[in-house]
Amino acid sequence: MRQHAIQARGKRKFRVTTTDSNHKLPITPNLLNRNFTIAKPNTVRAAKDAVIGWILWYNQKRMHSTIGYQSPVEFEQAWQRKQVQAAA
């Protein structure tokens, strides 16, 4: 290795990153801290409503850092507009 001027690199320290807070976007409200009281608890209907509500929030309203802090619905609408403009 000396003959070819090659040096070994040490292992880099592993850095855990959990969030990307290096942006100037407004902080979204904590929607998980809501009151989920229902009229008739412990019923199949209440469970279905809770699950469907969570799925709708997760798939349509939740902000994603990987798509520019947009909701999936906003991202898809912007993508469709770009496709129409590219086709024109």
N, C-alpha and C. Protein backbone atom coordinates (compact mmCIF):
# COMPACT_ATOMS: atom_id res chain seq x y z
N MET A 1 0.83 -1.19 0.00
CA MET A 1 0.00 0.00 0.00
C MET A 1 0.87 1.25 0.00
N ARG A 2 2.00 1.21 0.75
CA ARG A 2 2.90 2.37 0.75
C ARG A 2 3.48 2.62 -0.62
N GLN A 3 3.76 1.56 -1.30
CA GLN A 3 4.37 1.67 -2.62
C GLN A 3 3.46 2.43 -3.59
N HIS A 4 2.18 2.27 -3.44
CA HIS A 4 1.21 2.94 -4.32
C HIS A 4 0.54 4.14 -3.67
N ALA A 5 1.00 4.54 -2.51
CA ALA A 5 0.48 5.71 -1.77
C ALA A 5 -1.00 5.56 -1.46
N ILE A 6 -1.39 4.35 -1.04
CA ILE A 6 -2.77 4.08 -0.68
C ILE A 6 -2.88 4.02 0.83
N GLN A 7 -3.88 4.68 1.35
CA GLN A 7 -4.11 4.66 2.79
C GLN A 7 -5.49 4.10 3.08
N ALA A 8 -5.56 3.34 4.16
CA ALA A 8 -6.86 2.81 4.58
C ALA A 8 -7.64 3.91 5.27
N ARG A 9 -8.92 3.92 5.02
CA ARG A 9 -9.79 4.88 5.70
C ARG A 9 -10.43 4.20 6.90
N GLY A 10 -10.47 4.93 7.99
CA GLY A 10 -11.13 4.41 9.17
C GLY A 10 -12.64 4.41 8.99
N LYS A 11 -13.29 3.60 9.77
CA LYS A 11 -14.73 3.51 9.70
C LYS A 11 -15.35 4.79 10.26
N ARG A 12 -16.30 5.35 9.52
CA ARG A 12 -16.97 6.56 9.99
C ARG A 12 -17.94 6.22 11.11
N LYS A 13 -18.09 7.17 12.03
CA LYS A 13 -19.02 6.98 13.13
C LYS A 13 -20.45 6.98 12.59
N PHE A 14 -21.24 6.03 13.04
CA PHE A 14 -22.63 5.94 12.62
C PHE A 14 -23.45 7.02 13.30
N ARG A 15 -24.17 7.77 12.53
CA ARG A 15 -24.98 8.86 13.07
C ARG A 15 -26.45 8.55 12.83
N VAL A 16 -27.23 8.51 13.89
CA VAL A 16 -28.65 8.23 13.78
C VAL A 16 -29.38 9.53 13.46
N THR A 17 -30.17 9.51 12.39
CA THR A 17 -30.98 10.67 12.06
C THR A 17 -32.44 10.21 12.00
N THR A 18 -33.25 10.81 12.81
CA THR A 18 -34.64 10.38 12.87
C THR A 18 -35.58 11.33 12.14
N THR A 19 -35.26 12.61 12.10
CA THR A 19 -36.12 13.56 11.41
C THR A 19 -35.28 14.53 10.60
N ASP A 20 -35.91 15.13 9.63
CA ASP A 20 -35.27 16.16 8.83
C ASP A 20 -35.90 17.49 9.21
N SER A 21 -35.29 18.18 10.15
CA SER A 21 -35.86 19.44 10.61
C SER A 21 -35.15 20.64 9.99
N ASN A 22 -34.35 20.41 8.97
CA ASN A 22 -33.62 21.50 8.33
C ASN A 22 -34.43 22.04 7.16
N HIS A 23 -35.57 22.64 7.48
CA HIS A 23 -36.43 23.23 6.46
C HIS A 23 -37.16 24.43 7.06
N LYS A 24 -37.73 25.24 6.20
CA LYS A 24 -38.42 26.45 6.64
C LYS A 24 -39.93 26.32 6.54
N LEU A 25 -40.42 25.12 6.50
CA LEU A 25 -41.85 24.90 6.39
C LEU A 25 -42.50 24.98 7.76
N PRO A 26 -43.78 25.33 7.83
CA PRO A 26 -44.45 25.41 9.13
C PRO A 26 -44.59 24.02 9.75
N ILE A 27 -44.59 23.99 11.05
CA ILE A 27 -44.76 22.74 11.77
C ILE A 27 -46.22 22.34 11.69
N THR A 28 -46.47 21.11 11.31
CA THR A 28 -47.84 20.65 11.20
C THR A 28 -48.40 20.33 12.57
N PRO A 29 -49.69 20.49 12.75
CA PRO A 29 -50.28 20.20 14.06
C PRO A 29 -50.19 18.72 14.39
N ASN A 30 -50.12 18.42 15.67
CA ASN A 30 -50.05 17.04 16.13
C ASN A 30 -51.44 16.43 16.05
N LEU A 31 -51.70 15.71 14.98
CA LEU A 31 -53.01 15.11 14.79
C LEU A 31 -53.19 13.82 15.58
N LEU A 32 -52.09 13.29 16.10
CA LEU A 32 -52.19 12.07 16.89
C LEU A 32 -52.64 12.35 18.31
N ASN A 33 -52.60 13.60 18.72
CA ASN A 33 -52.97 13.98 20.07
C ASN A 33 -54.44 14.40 20.13
N ARG A 34 -55.26 13.73 19.36
CA ARG A 34 -56.68 14.06 19.31
C ARG A 34 -57.47 13.25 20.33
N ASN A 35 -58.66 13.71 20.59
CA ASN A 35 -59.55 13.00 21.50
C ASN A 35 -60.38 12.02 20.67
N PHE A 36 -60.22 10.75 20.93
CA PHE A 36 -60.90 9.73 20.15
C PHE A 36 -62.07 9.11 20.91
N THR A 37 -62.78 9.92 21.66
CA THR A 37 -63.94 9.37 22.38
C THR A 37 -65.08 9.16 21.40
N ILE A 38 -65.78 8.07 21.57
CA ILE A 38 -66.87 7.74 20.68
C ILE A 38 -68.11 7.45 21.49
N ALA A 39 -69.26 7.51 20.83
CA ALA A 39 -70.53 7.33 21.54
C ALA A 39 -70.70 5.91 22.08
N LYS A 40 -70.39 4.92 21.26
CA LYS A 40 -70.55 3.52 21.68
C LYS A 40 -69.20 2.81 21.56
N PRO A 41 -68.40 2.79 22.61
CA PRO A 41 -67.09 2.14 22.52
C PRO A 41 -67.23 0.62 22.45
N ASN A 42 -66.16 -0.02 22.06
CA ASN A 42 -66.06 -1.48 21.99
C ASN A 42 -67.09 -2.11 21.05
N THR A 43 -67.33 -1.47 19.94
CA THR A 43 -68.20 -2.06 18.93
C THR A 43 -67.40 -2.24 17.65
N VAL A 44 -67.84 -3.12 16.81
CA VAL A 44 -67.16 -3.36 15.54
C VAL A 44 -67.20 -2.09 14.69
N ARG A 45 -68.32 -1.40 14.70
CA ARG A 45 -68.45 -0.17 13.91
C ARG A 45 -67.45 0.89 14.37
N ALA A 46 -67.28 1.03 15.68
CA ALA A 46 -66.33 2.01 16.21
C ALA A 46 -64.91 1.65 15.79
N ALA A 47 -64.58 0.37 15.83
CA ALA A 47 -63.25 -0.07 15.42
C ALA A 47 -63.02 0.20 13.93
N LYS A 48 -64.02 -0.10 13.11
CA LYS A 48 -63.91 0.16 11.67
C LYS A 48 -63.72 1.64 11.39
N ASP A 49 -64.51 2.47 12.06
CA ASP A 49 -64.40 3.92 11.86
C ASP A 49 -63.02 4.43 12.24
N ALA A 50 -62.49 3.93 13.35
CA ALA A 50 -61.17 4.36 13.80
C ALA A 50 -60.09 3.94 12.81
N VAL A 51 -60.15 2.72 12.33
CA VAL A 51 -59.15 2.23 11.39
C VAL A 51 -59.25 2.97 10.06
N ILE A 52 -60.45 3.14 9.56
CA ILE A 52 -60.63 3.85 8.29
C ILE A 52 -60.17 5.30 8.41
N GLY A 53 -60.49 5.95 9.52
CA GLY A 53 -60.02 7.32 9.74
C GLY A 53 -58.52 7.42 9.74
N TRP A 54 -57.85 6.47 10.38
CA TRP A 54 -56.40 6.50 10.42
C TRP A 54 -55.81 6.25 9.04
N ILE A 55 -56.38 5.30 8.29
CA ILE A 55 -55.87 5.01 6.96
C ILE A 55 -56.03 6.22 6.04
N LEU A 56 -57.17 6.89 6.12
CA LEU A 56 -57.37 8.09 5.29
C LEU A 56 -56.36 9.17 5.64
N TRP A 57 -56.11 9.38 6.93
CA TRP A 57 -55.11 10.38 7.33
C TRP A 57 -53.74 9.98 6.82
N TYR A 58 -53.36 8.72 7.02
CA TYR A 58 -52.02 8.26 6.66
C TYR A 58 -51.78 8.35 5.15
N ASN A 59 -52.77 7.97 4.36
CA ASN A 59 -52.58 7.92 2.91
C ASN A 59 -52.90 9.22 2.18
N GLN A 60 -53.65 10.13 2.79
CA GLN A 60 -54.07 11.32 2.07
C GLN A 60 -53.60 12.63 2.68
N LYS A 61 -53.46 12.71 3.99
CA LYS A 61 -53.17 14.00 4.61
C LYS A 61 -51.79 14.09 5.24
N ARG A 62 -51.18 12.97 5.54
CA ARG A 62 -49.89 12.98 6.24
C ARG A 62 -48.81 13.59 5.35
N MET A 63 -47.98 14.44 5.91
CA MET A 63 -46.89 15.07 5.18
C MET A 63 -45.72 14.10 5.08
N HIS A 64 -45.15 13.95 3.88
CA HIS A 64 -44.04 13.06 3.65
C HIS A 64 -42.79 13.87 3.35
N SER A 65 -41.71 13.60 4.07
CA SER A 65 -40.47 14.31 3.80
C SER A 65 -39.85 13.89 2.48
N THR A 66 -40.10 12.65 2.05
CA THR A 66 -39.49 12.17 0.81
C THR A 66 -40.11 12.77 -0.44
N ILE A 67 -41.28 13.37 -0.32
CA ILE A 67 -41.91 14.00 -1.50
C ILE A 67 -42.09 15.50 -1.27
N GLY A 68 -41.13 16.09 -0.56
CA GLY A 68 -41.11 17.54 -0.41
C GLY A 68 -42.12 18.07 0.58
N TYR A 69 -42.38 17.33 1.64
CA TYR A 69 -43.30 17.74 2.70
C TYR A 69 -44.67 18.10 2.15
N GLN A 70 -45.16 17.22 1.30
CA GLN A 70 -46.51 17.34 0.75
C GLN A 70 -47.29 16.11 1.17
N SER A 71 -48.59 16.25 1.14
CA SER A 71 -49.41 15.06 1.35
C SER A 71 -49.39 14.25 0.06
N PRO A 72 -49.67 12.96 0.13
CA PRO A 72 -49.69 12.17 -1.10
C PRO A 72 -50.68 12.70 -2.14
N VAL A 73 -51.80 13.23 -1.69
CA VAL A 73 -52.80 13.77 -2.62
C VAL A 73 -52.22 14.98 -3.36
N GLU A 74 -51.58 15.89 -2.62
CA GLU A 74 -50.98 17.07 -3.26
C GLU A 74 -49.88 16.67 -4.23
N PHE A 75 -49.06 15.69 -3.84
CA PHE A 75 -47.98 15.24 -4.70
C PHE A 75 -48.52 14.65 -6.00
N GLU A 76 -49.55 13.82 -5.89
CA GLU A 76 -50.11 13.19 -7.08
C GLU A 76 -50.77 14.22 -7.99
N GLN A 77 -51.45 15.21 -7.41
CA GLN A 77 -52.08 16.25 -8.24
C GLN A 77 -51.01 17.04 -8.99
N ALA A 78 -49.91 17.38 -8.30
CA ALA A 78 -48.82 18.10 -8.97
C ALA A 78 -48.20 17.25 -10.07
N TRP A 79 -48.03 15.95 -9.82
CA TRP A 79 -47.47 15.05 -10.82
C TRP A 79 -48.37 14.97 -12.05
N GLN A 80 -49.69 14.88 -11.82
CA GLN A 80 -50.62 14.81 -12.95
C GLN A 80 -50.60 16.09 -13.77
N ARG A 81 -50.49 17.25 -13.09
CA ARG A 81 -50.40 18.52 -13.82
C ARG A 81 -49.15 18.54 -14.69
N LYS A 82 -48.02 18.05 -14.17
CA LYS A 82 -46.78 18.02 -14.95
C LYS A 82 -46.91 17.10 -16.15
N GLN A 83 -47.62 15.98 -15.99
CA GLN A 83 -47.81 15.05 -17.11
C GLN A 83 -48.63 15.69 -18.21
N VAL A 84 -49.68 16.42 -17.82
CA VAL A 84 -50.54 17.10 -18.80
C VAL A 84 -49.74 18.18 -19.53
N GLN A 85 -48.92 18.94 -18.79
CA GLN A 85 -48.12 19.98 -19.42
C GLN A 85 -47.07 19.39 -20.36
N ALA A 86 -46.49 18.26 -19.97
CA ALA A 86 -45.46 17.64 -20.82
C ALA A 86 -46.10 17.08 -22.09
N ALA A 87 -47.34 16.62 -22.01
CA ALA A 87 -48.01 16.07 -23.18
C ALA A 87 -48.47 17.15 -24.14
N ALA A 88 -48.70 18.36 -23.62
CA ALA A 88 -49.18 19.44 -24.47
C ALA A 88 -48.11 20.08 -25.33
